[in-house]
Amino acid sequence: MAPLVTISQGKIGYIFARDGKQLNPAQVLASNATVQDFQDVEGFLKNGGQRGPQRRILREGTYAFNLVEFIVITEERVYALSLSREEADTIRGMAEVIGQRNGFRPVVIKDTDDMVGIVTVHDGPSLVQGEIIAPIVGMHPHRPRPTIIVSKIPITSWRRRHARRQLQVLVEGTYYINRLVCHR
């Protein structure tokens, strides 16, 4: 019997798939463009789910995951069934990186802080030679309009974002951001 996965209020959980299609060499995280329900393993695999760390994160709540297929990393614990030594090392490394980036909590920017957040993305196509900041999401003539909303700013599927610093900044608000692919 496997436990239910619980993400505490104001916390973030990260998903790692043990099976699925291989990531492309340029990918850091799985796309999740065609897969949105991690509680449906059959649908995940049939719809092209990729193995490895996932772009989508979990917000507070209780989830019924098949822990043979998915590993869930939270600040409090790792939800998994029988990890191999290699998997345990990988997951421990991911948890350390997330913890160092304070990634188990959302980014909160208060108006009284008089600050903006600068996001650096570590996945996606490289910038054109000579550019140092990625264009605003949805403003690039050859890129689709934003499809996913993260708090107050529009975000496309991260695979469509350019790698490196983003022109679009985070202003006052709460942002649930996958810190394996970007940090502020």
N, C-alpha and C. Protein backbone atom coordinates (compact mmCIF):
# COMPACT_ATOMS: atom_id res chain seq x y z
N MET A 1 0.85 -1.18 0.00
CA MET A 1 0.00 0.00 0.00
C MET A 1 0.89 1.24 0.00
N ALA A 2 0.62 2.17 -0.89
CA ALA A 2 1.41 3.40 -1.00
C ALA A 2 0.68 4.56 -0.34
N PRO A 3 1.43 5.49 0.24
CA PRO A 3 0.79 6.64 0.88
C PRO A 3 0.28 7.65 -0.14
N LEU A 4 -0.69 8.46 0.23
CA LEU A 4 -1.11 9.58 -0.59
C LEU A 4 -0.01 10.64 -0.52
N VAL A 5 0.19 11.36 -1.60
CA VAL A 5 1.19 12.43 -1.64
C VAL A 5 0.53 13.70 -1.14
N THR A 6 1.13 14.31 -0.13
CA THR A 6 0.58 15.54 0.44
C THR A 6 1.58 16.67 0.31
N ILE A 7 1.14 17.76 -0.31
CA ILE A 7 1.94 18.97 -0.41
C ILE A 7 1.32 19.97 0.56
N SER A 8 2.11 20.40 1.52
CA SER A 8 1.62 21.33 2.54
C SER A 8 1.27 22.69 1.94
N GLN A 9 0.40 23.42 2.65
CA GLN A 9 -0.01 24.75 2.20
C GLN A 9 1.22 25.65 2.05
N GLY A 10 1.28 26.38 0.94
CA GLY A 10 2.38 27.30 0.70
C GLY A 10 3.67 26.61 0.30
N LYS A 11 3.59 25.35 -0.12
CA LYS A 11 4.78 24.59 -0.52
C LYS A 11 4.63 24.12 -1.96
N ILE A 12 5.71 23.60 -2.52
CA ILE A 12 5.76 23.10 -3.88
C ILE A 12 6.34 21.70 -3.88
N GLY A 13 5.80 20.81 -4.72
CA GLY A 13 6.33 19.47 -4.90
C GLY A 13 6.82 19.28 -6.32
N TYR A 14 7.82 18.44 -6.49
CA TYR A 14 8.43 18.18 -7.80
C TYR A 14 8.23 16.72 -8.19
N ILE A 15 8.00 16.48 -9.49
CA ILE A 15 7.69 15.14 -9.99
C ILE A 15 8.84 14.63 -10.86
N PHE A 16 9.16 13.35 -10.67
CA PHE A 16 10.18 12.67 -11.47
C PHE A 16 9.54 11.39 -12.00
N ALA A 17 9.48 11.25 -13.34
CA ALA A 17 8.89 10.05 -13.95
C ALA A 17 9.98 9.00 -14.16
N ARG A 18 9.69 7.77 -13.77
CA ARG A 18 10.64 6.67 -13.94
C ARG A 18 10.59 6.05 -15.32
N ASP A 19 9.50 6.26 -16.05
CA ASP A 19 9.35 5.65 -17.37
C ASP A 19 8.77 6.69 -18.32
N GLY A 20 8.85 6.41 -19.60
CA GLY A 20 8.36 7.30 -20.63
C GLY A 20 9.41 7.49 -21.70
N LYS A 21 9.13 8.40 -22.61
CA LYS A 21 10.08 8.68 -23.68
C LYS A 21 11.31 9.39 -23.12
N GLN A 22 12.44 9.19 -23.79
CA GLN A 22 13.68 9.84 -23.39
C GLN A 22 13.57 11.35 -23.62
N LEU A 23 14.25 12.13 -22.79
CA LEU A 23 14.37 13.57 -23.03
C LEU A 23 15.27 13.78 -24.24
N ASN A 24 15.00 14.81 -25.02
CA ASN A 24 15.89 15.18 -26.10
C ASN A 24 17.19 15.69 -25.48
N PRO A 25 18.32 15.59 -26.19
CA PRO A 25 19.60 16.02 -25.63
C PRO A 25 19.61 17.47 -25.11
N ALA A 26 18.83 18.36 -25.73
CA ALA A 26 18.83 19.76 -25.31
C ALA A 26 17.87 20.03 -24.15
N GLN A 27 17.07 19.04 -23.75
CA GLN A 27 16.09 19.25 -22.68
C GLN A 27 16.70 19.03 -21.30
N VAL A 28 16.29 19.88 -20.37
CA VAL A 28 16.64 19.71 -18.97
C VAL A 28 15.49 19.02 -18.25
N LEU A 29 14.26 19.41 -18.61
CA LEU A 29 13.05 18.86 -18.00
C LEU A 29 12.12 18.33 -19.08
N ALA A 30 11.24 17.40 -18.67
CA ALA A 30 10.23 16.87 -19.59
C ALA A 30 9.26 17.97 -20.01
N SER A 31 8.76 17.88 -21.22
CA SER A 31 7.93 18.92 -21.82
C SER A 31 6.57 19.11 -21.15
N ASN A 32 5.83 18.08 -20.90
CA ASN A 32 4.47 18.13 -20.35
C ASN A 32 3.48 18.84 -21.26
N ALA A 33 3.83 19.05 -22.53
CA ALA A 33 2.93 19.72 -23.48
C ALA A 33 1.71 18.86 -23.77
N THR A 34 1.86 17.55 -23.79
CA THR A 34 0.74 16.66 -24.11
C THR A 34 0.25 15.87 -22.91
N VAL A 35 0.90 16.05 -21.78
CA VAL A 35 0.56 15.29 -20.57
C VAL A 35 0.30 16.27 -19.43
N GLN A 36 -0.86 16.14 -18.80
CA GLN A 36 -1.18 17.08 -17.73
C GLN A 36 -1.63 16.39 -16.44
N ASP A 37 -1.99 15.11 -16.51
CA ASP A 37 -2.50 14.41 -15.34
C ASP A 37 -1.53 13.30 -14.94
N PHE A 38 -0.75 13.56 -13.91
CA PHE A 38 0.23 12.58 -13.47
C PHE A 38 -0.40 11.46 -12.64
N GLN A 39 -1.67 11.59 -12.31
CA GLN A 39 -2.34 10.54 -11.57
C GLN A 39 -2.88 9.45 -12.51
N ASP A 40 -2.73 9.65 -13.81
CA ASP A 40 -3.16 8.69 -14.84
C ASP A 40 -1.91 8.18 -15.56
N VAL A 41 -1.30 7.11 -15.05
CA VAL A 41 -0.06 6.58 -15.61
C VAL A 41 -0.25 6.13 -17.05
N GLU A 42 -1.35 5.42 -17.33
CA GLU A 42 -1.60 4.94 -18.68
C GLU A 42 -1.68 6.12 -19.66
N GLY A 43 -2.42 7.15 -19.30
CA GLY A 43 -2.54 8.35 -20.15
C GLY A 43 -1.19 9.04 -20.31
N PHE A 44 -0.41 9.09 -19.25
CA PHE A 44 0.92 9.71 -19.29
C PHE A 44 1.79 9.01 -20.33
N LEU A 45 1.82 7.69 -20.27
CA LEU A 45 2.67 6.92 -21.20
C LEU A 45 2.13 6.95 -22.63
N LYS A 46 0.80 6.80 -22.81
CA LYS A 46 0.21 6.80 -24.15
C LYS A 46 0.32 8.15 -24.85
N ASN A 47 0.31 9.23 -24.08
CA ASN A 47 0.33 10.58 -24.65
C ASN A 47 1.72 11.17 -24.76
N GLY A 48 2.73 10.33 -24.67
CA GLY A 48 4.10 10.81 -24.90
C GLY A 48 4.81 11.37 -23.70
N GLY A 49 4.37 11.03 -22.50
CA GLY A 49 5.07 11.50 -21.30
C GLY A 49 6.54 11.12 -21.34
N GLN A 50 7.38 11.99 -20.83
CA GLN A 50 8.82 11.75 -20.86
C GLN A 50 9.32 11.38 -19.47
N ARG A 51 10.34 10.52 -19.44
CA ARG A 51 10.93 10.14 -18.16
C ARG A 51 11.86 11.25 -17.68
N GLY A 52 12.04 11.29 -16.37
CA GLY A 52 12.93 12.28 -15.79
C GLY A 52 12.17 13.36 -15.05
N PRO A 53 12.87 14.43 -14.67
CA PRO A 53 12.21 15.53 -13.95
C PRO A 53 11.19 16.23 -14.85
N GLN A 54 10.05 16.57 -14.29
CA GLN A 54 8.95 17.17 -15.04
C GLN A 54 8.92 18.69 -14.87
N ARG A 55 8.42 19.38 -15.89
CA ARG A 55 8.28 20.85 -15.83
C ARG A 55 7.20 21.27 -14.84
N ARG A 56 6.08 20.57 -14.90
CA ARG A 56 4.96 20.93 -14.02
C ARG A 56 5.32 20.62 -12.58
N ILE A 57 4.85 21.47 -11.71
CA ILE A 57 5.07 21.28 -10.28
C ILE A 57 3.72 21.03 -9.61
N LEU A 58 3.77 20.59 -8.37
CA LEU A 58 2.55 20.35 -7.60
C LEU A 58 2.39 21.46 -6.57
N ARG A 59 1.19 21.98 -6.48
CA ARG A 59 0.88 22.95 -5.43
C ARG A 59 0.20 22.21 -4.29
N GLU A 60 -0.11 22.93 -3.22
CA GLU A 60 -0.69 22.29 -2.04
C GLU A 60 -1.89 21.45 -2.39
N GLY A 61 -1.97 20.32 -1.70
CA GLY A 61 -3.08 19.40 -1.94
C GLY A 61 -2.66 17.97 -1.64
N THR A 62 -3.59 17.05 -1.82
CA THR A 62 -3.33 15.63 -1.63
C THR A 62 -3.59 14.92 -2.94
N TYR A 63 -2.65 14.08 -3.35
CA TYR A 63 -2.69 13.44 -4.65
C TYR A 63 -2.52 11.93 -4.50
N ALA A 64 -3.18 11.17 -5.39
CA ALA A 64 -3.04 9.72 -5.43
C ALA A 64 -2.16 9.36 -6.63
N PHE A 65 -0.86 9.26 -6.41
CA PHE A 65 0.10 8.94 -7.47
C PHE A 65 0.45 7.47 -7.44
N ASN A 66 0.73 6.93 -8.62
CA ASN A 66 1.30 5.59 -8.71
C ASN A 66 2.79 5.78 -8.47
N LEU A 67 3.26 5.42 -7.30
CA LEU A 67 4.64 5.67 -6.91
C LEU A 67 5.62 4.65 -7.49
N VAL A 68 5.12 3.72 -8.32
CA VAL A 68 6.02 2.86 -9.09
C VAL A 68 6.50 3.67 -10.30
N GLU A 69 5.64 4.50 -10.88
CA GLU A 69 5.97 5.32 -12.05
C GLU A 69 6.55 6.68 -11.67
N PHE A 70 6.04 7.29 -10.63
CA PHE A 70 6.44 8.66 -10.29
C PHE A 70 7.09 8.74 -8.91
N ILE A 71 8.07 9.60 -8.82
CA ILE A 71 8.69 9.95 -7.55
C ILE A 71 8.31 11.41 -7.30
N VAL A 72 7.88 11.73 -6.10
CA VAL A 72 7.51 13.11 -5.77
C VAL A 72 8.43 13.59 -4.65
N ILE A 73 9.04 14.74 -4.90
CA ILE A 73 9.98 15.32 -3.94
C ILE A 73 9.32 16.53 -3.28
N THR A 74 9.22 16.50 -1.96
CA THR A 74 8.73 17.65 -1.21
C THR A 74 9.81 18.06 -0.22
N GLU A 75 9.61 19.17 0.42
CA GLU A 75 10.59 19.62 1.42
C GLU A 75 10.66 18.65 2.59
N GLU A 76 9.52 18.04 2.93
CA GLU A 76 9.45 17.16 4.08
C GLU A 76 9.95 15.74 3.81
N ARG A 77 9.71 15.25 2.57
CA ARG A 77 10.07 13.86 2.28
C ARG A 77 10.04 13.56 0.79
N VAL A 78 10.50 12.38 0.44
CA VAL A 78 10.43 11.87 -0.92
C VAL A 78 9.40 10.74 -0.93
N TYR A 79 8.42 10.84 -1.84
CA TYR A 79 7.42 9.79 -2.00
C TYR A 79 7.86 8.90 -3.15
N ALA A 80 8.14 7.64 -2.85
CA ALA A 80 8.58 6.69 -3.89
C ALA A 80 8.48 5.28 -3.34
N LEU A 81 8.48 4.33 -4.24
CA LEU A 81 8.56 2.93 -3.86
C LEU A 81 9.90 2.39 -4.34
N SER A 82 10.61 1.74 -3.48
CA SER A 82 11.89 1.06 -3.75
C SER A 82 12.78 1.73 -4.79
N LEU A 83 13.55 2.70 -4.34
CA LEU A 83 14.50 3.39 -5.20
C LEU A 83 15.77 2.57 -5.37
N SER A 84 16.28 2.52 -6.59
CA SER A 84 17.60 1.91 -6.79
C SER A 84 18.65 2.90 -6.26
N ARG A 85 19.86 2.46 -6.11
CA ARG A 85 20.92 3.35 -5.61
C ARG A 85 21.10 4.55 -6.55
N GLU A 86 21.07 4.29 -7.86
CA GLU A 86 21.23 5.35 -8.86
C GLU A 86 20.08 6.37 -8.76
N GLU A 87 18.83 5.86 -8.65
CA GLU A 87 17.67 6.75 -8.51
C GLU A 87 17.77 7.56 -7.23
N ALA A 88 18.15 6.91 -6.15
CA ALA A 88 18.25 7.60 -4.86
C ALA A 88 19.27 8.74 -4.95
N ASP A 89 20.41 8.50 -5.59
CA ASP A 89 21.43 9.54 -5.76
C ASP A 89 20.91 10.70 -6.61
N THR A 90 20.20 10.37 -7.70
CA THR A 90 19.64 11.40 -8.58
C THR A 90 18.62 12.25 -7.83
N ILE A 91 17.72 11.60 -7.13
CA ILE A 91 16.66 12.30 -6.40
C ILE A 91 17.26 13.14 -5.27
N ARG A 92 18.23 12.60 -4.56
CA ARG A 92 18.90 13.35 -3.49
C ARG A 92 19.55 14.61 -4.07
N GLY A 93 20.21 14.47 -5.23
CA GLY A 93 20.83 15.62 -5.89
C GLY A 93 19.81 16.68 -6.30
N MET A 94 18.67 16.21 -6.86
CA MET A 94 17.61 17.16 -7.24
C MET A 94 17.08 17.88 -6.02
N ALA A 95 16.84 17.16 -4.94
CA ALA A 95 16.31 17.77 -3.72
C ALA A 95 17.28 18.80 -3.16
N GLU A 96 18.58 18.52 -3.24
CA GLU A 96 19.58 19.48 -2.76
C GLU A 96 19.56 20.76 -3.59
N VAL A 97 19.49 20.62 -4.93
CA VAL A 97 19.45 21.80 -5.80
C VAL A 97 18.19 22.61 -5.52
N ILE A 98 17.06 21.94 -5.41
CA ILE A 98 15.79 22.63 -5.13
C ILE A 98 15.89 23.37 -3.79
N GLY A 99 16.42 22.70 -2.77
CA GLY A 99 16.57 23.32 -1.45
C GLY A 99 17.49 24.53 -1.49
N GLN A 100 18.62 24.43 -2.21
CA GLN A 100 19.56 25.55 -2.32
C GLN A 100 18.91 26.75 -3.00
N ARG A 101 17.99 26.50 -3.89
CA ARG A 101 17.30 27.58 -4.61
C ARG A 101 16.01 28.00 -3.91
N ASN A 102 15.80 27.51 -2.69
CA ASN A 102 14.58 27.77 -1.93
C ASN A 102 13.34 27.43 -2.77
N GLY A 103 13.45 26.32 -3.51
CA GLY A 103 12.43 25.95 -4.47
C GLY A 103 11.21 25.22 -3.95
N PHE A 104 11.15 24.94 -2.66
CA PHE A 104 9.97 24.28 -2.13
C PHE A 104 8.91 25.29 -1.70
N ARG A 105 9.22 26.56 -1.88
CA ARG A 105 8.29 27.63 -1.54
C ARG A 105 8.10 28.54 -2.76
N PRO A 106 6.92 29.13 -2.91
CA PRO A 106 6.72 30.04 -4.03
C PRO A 106 7.56 31.31 -3.85
N VAL A 107 7.79 32.01 -4.95
CA VAL A 107 8.45 33.31 -4.89
C VAL A 107 7.37 34.33 -4.54
N VAL A 108 7.59 35.10 -3.48
CA VAL A 108 6.64 36.12 -3.08
C VAL A 108 7.34 37.47 -3.15
N ILE A 109 6.78 38.37 -3.96
CA ILE A 109 7.31 39.72 -4.07
C ILE A 109 6.23 40.66 -3.55
N LYS A 110 6.57 41.39 -2.51
CA LYS A 110 5.62 42.32 -1.88
C LYS A 110 5.87 43.72 -2.41
N ASP A 111 4.79 44.52 -2.51
CA ASP A 111 4.96 45.88 -3.01
C ASP A 111 5.85 46.71 -2.09
N THR A 112 5.88 46.35 -0.83
CA THR A 112 6.72 47.10 0.12
C THR A 112 8.20 46.78 -0.03
N ASP A 113 8.52 45.69 -0.77
CA ASP A 113 9.92 45.32 -0.97
C ASP A 113 10.61 46.22 -1.98
N ASP A 114 9.82 46.91 -2.83
CA ASP A 114 10.38 47.78 -3.87
C ASP A 114 11.38 47.01 -4.73
N MET A 115 10.97 45.80 -5.15
CA MET A 115 11.84 44.94 -5.95
C MET A 115 11.06 44.31 -7.09
N VAL A 116 11.79 43.83 -8.11
CA VAL A 116 11.22 42.97 -9.14
C VAL A 116 12.08 41.72 -9.18
N GLY A 117 11.53 40.64 -9.71
CA GLY A 117 12.29 39.40 -9.84
C GLY A 117 12.79 39.25 -11.27
N ILE A 118 14.05 38.89 -11.42
CA ILE A 118 14.63 38.60 -12.73
C ILE A 118 14.72 37.08 -12.84
N VAL A 119 14.11 36.51 -13.86
CA VAL A 119 14.08 35.06 -14.03
C VAL A 119 15.14 34.64 -15.04
N THR A 120 15.90 33.61 -14.68
CA THR A 120 16.85 33.01 -15.60
C THR A 120 16.38 31.59 -15.88
N VAL A 121 16.15 31.27 -17.16
CA VAL A 121 15.67 29.96 -17.56
C VAL A 121 16.86 29.14 -18.06
N HIS A 122 16.96 27.89 -17.62
CA HIS A 122 18.07 27.02 -17.99
C HIS A 122 17.62 25.90 -18.93
N ASP A 123 16.68 26.19 -19.80
CA ASP A 123 16.17 25.21 -20.75
C ASP A 123 15.59 25.97 -21.93
N GLY A 124 15.47 25.32 -23.06
CA GLY A 124 14.89 25.95 -24.23
C GLY A 124 15.95 26.32 -25.24
N PRO A 125 15.52 26.89 -26.37
CA PRO A 125 16.47 27.23 -27.42
C PRO A 125 17.41 28.34 -26.96
N SER A 126 18.62 28.33 -27.48
CA SER A 126 19.59 29.37 -27.15
C SER A 126 19.19 30.68 -27.79
N LEU A 127 19.70 31.75 -27.23
CA LEU A 127 19.45 33.06 -27.81
C LEU A 127 20.22 33.22 -29.12
N VAL A 128 19.74 34.11 -29.95
CA VAL A 128 20.43 34.44 -31.19
C VAL A 128 21.75 35.12 -30.81
N GLN A 129 22.80 34.87 -31.60
CA GLN A 129 24.11 35.45 -31.31
C GLN A 129 23.99 36.96 -31.18
N GLY A 130 24.59 37.51 -30.15
CA GLY A 130 24.57 38.94 -29.90
C GLY A 130 23.49 39.37 -28.92
N GLU A 131 22.50 38.52 -28.66
CA GLU A 131 21.45 38.86 -27.69
C GLU A 131 21.86 38.36 -26.32
N ILE A 132 21.50 39.12 -25.28
CA ILE A 132 21.82 38.69 -23.91
C ILE A 132 20.58 38.48 -23.06
N ILE A 133 19.42 38.94 -23.54
CA ILE A 133 18.16 38.78 -22.80
C ILE A 133 17.11 38.23 -23.76
N ALA A 134 16.35 37.24 -23.30
CA ALA A 134 15.30 36.62 -24.12
C ALA A 134 14.14 37.59 -24.34
N PRO A 135 13.45 37.49 -25.49
CA PRO A 135 12.30 38.37 -25.75
C PRO A 135 11.14 38.05 -24.83
N ILE A 136 10.21 39.00 -24.72
CA ILE A 136 9.02 38.81 -23.89
C ILE A 136 8.19 37.66 -24.47
N VAL A 137 7.67 36.83 -23.60
CA VAL A 137 6.86 35.69 -24.02
C VAL A 137 5.65 36.18 -24.79
N GLY A 138 5.39 35.54 -25.95
CA GLY A 138 4.23 35.88 -26.76
C GLY A 138 4.48 37.05 -27.69
N MET A 139 5.61 37.74 -27.56
CA MET A 139 5.90 38.89 -28.40
C MET A 139 6.80 38.52 -29.58
N HIS A 140 7.39 37.34 -29.55
CA HIS A 140 8.27 36.90 -30.62
C HIS A 140 7.41 36.54 -31.83
N PRO A 141 7.73 37.05 -33.03
CA PRO A 141 6.87 36.80 -34.19
C PRO A 141 6.78 35.33 -34.61
N HIS A 142 7.75 34.51 -34.23
CA HIS A 142 7.74 33.11 -34.63
C HIS A 142 7.40 32.17 -33.48
N ARG A 143 6.89 32.67 -32.40
CA ARG A 143 6.54 31.86 -31.24
C ARG A 143 5.04 31.97 -30.98
N PRO A 144 4.41 30.89 -30.52
CA PRO A 144 2.97 30.96 -30.22
C PRO A 144 2.69 31.85 -29.01
N ARG A 145 1.44 32.24 -28.88
CA ARG A 145 1.01 33.05 -27.73
C ARG A 145 1.13 32.23 -26.46
N PRO A 146 1.17 32.87 -25.29
CA PRO A 146 1.27 32.14 -24.02
C PRO A 146 0.14 31.14 -23.84
N THR A 147 0.48 30.00 -23.23
CA THR A 147 -0.52 28.96 -23.05
C THR A 147 -0.73 28.58 -21.59
N ILE A 148 0.19 28.91 -20.73
CA ILE A 148 0.08 28.54 -19.32
C ILE A 148 0.24 29.81 -18.50
N ILE A 149 -0.58 29.98 -17.48
CA ILE A 149 -0.46 31.16 -16.62
C ILE A 149 0.16 30.74 -15.29
N VAL A 150 1.22 31.40 -14.91
CA VAL A 150 1.83 31.18 -13.60
C VAL A 150 1.59 32.46 -12.83
N SER A 151 0.69 32.42 -11.88
CA SER A 151 0.29 33.57 -11.08
C SER A 151 -0.09 34.72 -12.00
N LYS A 152 0.61 35.86 -11.92
CA LYS A 152 0.18 37.04 -12.66
C LYS A 152 0.83 37.20 -14.04
N ILE A 153 1.90 36.46 -14.33
CA ILE A 153 2.55 36.67 -15.62
C ILE A 153 2.27 35.51 -16.56
N PRO A 154 2.11 35.78 -17.86
CA PRO A 154 1.90 34.69 -18.80
C PRO A 154 3.21 33.97 -19.08
N ILE A 155 3.16 32.64 -19.06
CA ILE A 155 4.34 31.83 -19.33
C ILE A 155 3.95 30.81 -20.39
N THR A 156 4.75 30.63 -21.41
CA THR A 156 4.46 29.58 -22.39
C THR A 156 4.98 28.28 -21.81
N SER A 157 4.77 27.20 -22.52
CA SER A 157 5.43 25.96 -22.13
C SER A 157 6.90 26.29 -22.10
N TRP A 158 7.59 25.91 -21.03
CA TRP A 158 8.99 26.31 -20.87
C TRP A 158 9.84 25.89 -22.05
N ARG A 159 9.47 24.86 -22.79
CA ARG A 159 10.27 24.43 -23.93
C ARG A 159 10.27 25.49 -25.02
N ARG A 160 9.33 26.41 -24.99
CA ARG A 160 9.28 27.46 -26.01
C ARG A 160 9.97 28.73 -25.54
N ARG A 161 10.39 28.77 -24.31
CA ARG A 161 11.10 29.94 -23.80
C ARG A 161 12.55 29.84 -24.21
N HIS A 162 13.16 30.97 -24.37
CA HIS A 162 14.59 30.98 -24.66
C HIS A 162 15.35 30.75 -23.36
N ALA A 163 16.46 30.04 -23.45
CA ALA A 163 17.33 29.87 -22.30
C ALA A 163 17.99 31.22 -21.99
N ARG A 164 18.25 31.48 -20.77
CA ARG A 164 18.95 32.66 -20.24
C ARG A 164 17.98 33.63 -19.58
N ARG A 165 18.50 34.82 -19.23
CA ARG A 165 17.68 35.82 -18.53
C ARG A 165 16.52 36.25 -19.40
N GLN A 166 15.39 36.47 -18.75
CA GLN A 166 14.16 36.86 -19.44
C GLN A 166 13.94 38.36 -19.33
N LEU A 167 13.47 38.98 -20.40
CA LEU A 167 13.16 40.41 -20.40
C LEU A 167 11.98 40.69 -19.47
N GLN A 168 11.03 39.77 -19.46
CA GLN A 168 9.84 39.92 -18.64
C GLN A 168 10.23 39.71 -17.18
N VAL A 169 9.85 40.63 -16.30
CA VAL A 169 10.22 40.54 -14.89
C VAL A 169 9.01 40.14 -14.05
N LEU A 170 9.26 39.71 -12.83
CA LEU A 170 8.20 39.38 -11.89
C LEU A 170 7.97 40.61 -11.02
N VAL A 171 6.73 41.02 -10.93
CA VAL A 171 6.37 42.16 -10.08
C VAL A 171 5.61 41.63 -8.88
N GLU A 172 5.02 42.51 -8.09
CA GLU A 172 4.31 42.10 -6.88
C GLU A 172 3.39 40.90 -7.15
N GLY A 173 3.50 39.88 -6.31
CA GLY A 173 2.65 38.70 -6.46
C GLY A 173 3.32 37.45 -5.92
N THR A 174 2.62 36.33 -6.06
CA THR A 174 3.12 35.03 -5.64
C THR A 174 3.27 34.17 -6.89
N TYR A 175 4.45 33.57 -7.05
CA TYR A 175 4.77 32.82 -8.25
C TYR A 175 5.23 31.41 -7.89
N TYR A 176 4.56 30.42 -8.46
CA TYR A 176 4.92 29.02 -8.26
C TYR A 176 5.78 28.63 -9.46
N ILE A 177 7.09 28.57 -9.26
CA ILE A 177 8.05 28.40 -10.35
C ILE A 177 8.87 27.14 -10.11
N ASN A 178 9.07 26.37 -11.18
CA ASN A 178 9.92 25.18 -11.11
C ASN A 178 11.37 25.64 -11.07
N ARG A 179 12.02 25.51 -9.92
CA ARG A 179 13.38 26.01 -9.74
C ARG A 179 14.44 25.08 -10.31
N LEU A 180 14.04 23.94 -10.85
CA LEU A 180 15.02 23.10 -11.55
C LEU A 180 15.34 23.71 -12.92
N VAL A 181 14.42 24.49 -13.47
CA VAL A 181 14.64 25.05 -14.80
C VAL A 181 14.89 26.56 -14.76
N CYS A 182 14.44 27.24 -13.74
CA CYS A 182 14.69 28.67 -13.67
C CYS A 182 14.79 29.10 -12.22
N HIS A 183 15.49 30.20 -12.04
CA HIS A 183 15.58 30.77 -10.69
C HIS A 183 15.62 32.27 -10.83
N ARG A 184 15.43 32.92 -9.72
CA ARG A 184 15.40 34.40 -9.79
C ARG A 184 16.66 34.94 -9.16
